[in-house]
Protein backbone atom coordinates (compact mmCIF):
# COMPACT_ATOMS: atom_id res chain seq x y z
CA MET A 1 -0.10 -0.12 -0.22
CA ALA A 2 2.81 2.24 0.73
CA ALA A 3 4.60 1.89 -2.95
CA ALA A 4 0.81 2.53 -4.70
CA ASN A 5 0.75 5.61 -2.58
CA ALA A 6 4.11 6.42 -3.19
CA GLN A 7 2.84 5.78 -6.99
CA ILE A 8 0.41 8.46 -6.80
CA GLY A 9 2.95 11.18 -5.34
CA VAL A 10 4.83 10.62 -8.35
CA ALA A 11 1.90 10.86 -10.35
CA TYR A 12 0.95 13.98 -9.23
CA ALA A 13 4.68 15.70 -9.52
CA ALA A 14 3.95 15.64 -13.48
CA TYR A 15 2.28 18.11 -12.97
CA TYR A 16 4.96 20.43 -11.87
CA PRO A 17 8.15 21.66 -14.31
CA ALA A 18 10.80 19.94 -14.28
CA LEU A 19 13.74 22.30 -13.19
CA THR A 20 17.55 21.19 -14.57
CA LEU A 21 20.73 22.55 -13.47
CA SER A 22 23.50 21.06 -15.70
CA ALA A 23 27.31 22.36 -16.40
CA SER A 24 29.98 21.30 -18.79
CA GLY A 25 33.58 22.23 -19.45
CA GLY A 26 36.49 21.05 -21.95
CA MET A 27 38.97 21.73 -23.98
CA GLN A 28 38.95 23.50 -28.01
CA SER A 29 41.73 24.64 -29.38
CA SER A 30 41.82 24.84 -33.47
CA ALA A 31 46.13 24.14 -32.99
CA LEU A 32 46.55 20.88 -31.77
CA LYS A 33 49.74 23.03 -29.50
CA ASN A 34 47.45 25.45 -28.45
CA LEU A 35 44.89 22.63 -26.82
CA LEU A 36 46.20 22.73 -22.53
CA ASP A 37 46.48 26.49 -22.92
CA TRP A 38 44.21 28.45 -20.48
CA PRO A 39 42.28 30.20 -23.35
CA SER A 40 41.29 27.56 -24.76
CA ARG A 41 39.25 25.95 -21.77
CA PHE A 42 36.14 26.56 -21.82
CA TRP A 43 32.48 25.99 -19.18
CA SER A 44 29.69 26.72 -19.38
CA VAL A 45 26.83 26.33 -15.97
CA GLY A 46 22.99 26.65 -17.27
CA PRO A 47 19.66 25.98 -15.27
CA SER A 48 16.35 24.49 -18.00
CA ILE A 49 12.99 24.32 -16.84
CA SER A 50 10.63 22.49 -18.85
CA GLU A 51 7.04 22.07 -18.66
CA THR A 52 4.88 19.54 -20.47
CA VAL A 53 2.32 21.72 -22.84
CA TYR A 54 -0.90 18.98 -23.59
CA ASP A 55 -0.57 15.72 -22.60
CA GLY A 56 -3.82 14.65 -23.67
CA GLY A 57 -4.95 13.31 -19.91
CA LEU A 58 -2.57 10.83 -19.57
CA ARG A 59 -1.12 12.63 -16.30
CA ARG A 60 -4.78 12.65 -15.04
CA ALA A 61 -5.25 8.62 -16.55
CA GLU A 62 -2.26 7.71 -14.35
CA VAL A 63 -3.16 9.76 -10.67
CA ASN A 64 -6.65 7.98 -11.51
CA GLN A 65 -4.93 4.52 -12.22
CA TYR A 66 -3.02 4.60 -8.79
CA GLY A 67 -5.17 5.85 -6.93
CA ARG A 68 -7.62 2.82 -8.53
CA ARG A 69 -5.05 0.69 -7.17
CA LEU A 70 -4.14 2.46 -4.38
CA GLN A 71 -8.48 1.39 -3.11
CA ARG A 72 -7.69 -1.69 -4.87
CA LYS A 73 -5.29 -3.07 -2.10
CA SER A 74 -6.25 -1.16 0.65
CA ARG A 75 -9.56 -3.94 0.09
CA ALA A 76 -7.36 -6.34 -0.30
CA TYR A 77 -5.96 -5.89 3.11
CA ARG A 78 -8.63 -4.74 4.63
CA GLN A 79 -10.31 -8.06 4.18
CA SER A 80 -6.84 -10.34 5.18
CA VAL A 81 -7.34 -8.57 8.21
CA LEU A 82 -11.04 -9.15 8.39
CA THR A 83 -9.87 -12.98 7.41
CA ALA A 84 -7.34 -13.21 10.19
CA PHE A 85 -9.79 -11.67 13.04
CA GLN A 86 -12.46 -14.05 12.39
CA GLN A 87 -9.94 -16.81 12.55
CA VAL A 88 -8.55 -16.29 15.53
CA GLU A 89 -12.47 -15.82 16.87
CA ASP A 90 -13.33 -18.89 15.58
CA SER A 91 -9.87 -20.70 17.36
CA LEU A 92 -10.84 -18.84 20.01
CA ALA A 93 -14.44 -20.51 20.82
CA ALA A 94 -13.63 -23.77 19.97
CA VAL A 95 -11.46 -23.53 22.59
CA ARG A 96 -14.33 -21.75 24.95
CA HIS A 97 -17.05 -24.22 23.76
CA PRO A 98 -16.22 -28.02 25.36
CA VAL A 99 -15.06 -25.72 28.63
CA ALA A 100 -18.31 -23.73 28.91
CA THR A 101 -19.93 -27.37 27.80
CA ASP A 102 -17.79 -29.08 30.37
CA SER A 103 -18.44 -26.44 33.53
CA ALA A 104 -22.30 -26.87 32.47
CA SER A 105 -22.82 -29.82 32.75
CA ALA A 106 -20.28 -30.21 36.07
CA GLY A 107 -23.16 -27.63 37.49
CA SER A 108 -25.98 -29.88 36.16
CA ARG A 109 -24.40 -33.07 37.26
CA GLN A 110 -23.10 -31.57 40.92
CA LEU A 111 -27.10 -29.71 41.49
CA SER A 112 -28.78 -33.82 40.37
CA GLN A 113 -26.87 -34.65 43.49
CA THR A 114 -27.83 -31.98 45.75
CA PHE A 115 -31.61 -32.46 44.77
CA LEU A 116 -30.94 -36.77 45.46
CA SER A 117 -29.20 -36.63 48.43
CA TRP A 118 -31.82 -34.22 49.52
CA ARG A 119 -34.24 -36.63 48.35
CA ARG A 120 -33.14 -39.31 50.26
CA VAL A 121 -32.96 -37.27 53.42
CA ALA A 122 -36.35 -36.41 52.58
CA ASP A 123 -37.51 -40.18 52.16
CA ASN A 124 -35.96 -41.07 54.87
CA ASN A 125 -37.45 -38.56 57.81
CA GLY A 126 -40.52 -38.54 55.74
CA ILE A 127 -40.86 -34.55 54.99
CA ASP A 128 -43.38 -33.52 53.17
CA PRO A 129 -43.02 -33.26 48.67
CA TYR A 130 -44.25 -30.12 48.66
CA ILE A 131 -40.92 -28.80 50.69
CA ASP A 132 -38.81 -31.04 48.22
CA VAL A 133 -40.17 -29.58 45.54
CA VAL A 134 -40.08 -25.65 46.39
CA THR A 135 -36.16 -26.02 47.66
CA ALA A 136 -35.69 -27.81 44.16
CA GLN A 137 -37.21 -24.88 42.39
CA THR A 138 -35.19 -22.66 44.56
CA THR A 139 -32.17 -24.09 43.60
CA VAL A 140 -32.61 -24.98 40.08
CA ALA A 141 -33.31 -20.63 40.29
CA GLN A 142 -30.02 -19.95 41.99
């Protein structure tokens, strides 16, 4: 995505004029014996600027093309991140589900054992069955 964003910047830079600084130097003489003399040396330094007057919409098309490429890459990156989060969530749910099932079954097992022990005590002592029903409902509600 960073490369696609940089390409957009390069495409926008084409809208501005190009400034070039150049320098040249050398030696020139009509006679070979005067070639190494001081007056035979020359140099020049100068800037030049150039601007494209008409490009037929090429710059705008390139900016749009790179913009669409950035959008595609952003969507692909976003989808890969969402897929990664989904996989993590699915894995965590798979790990938690057996633990929750085991704890729920252990809790129901303990509740049924408690109710069974109360029932045995009630049968041995001759307690009214109505009290057993109210006690069982209270225990289940808790």
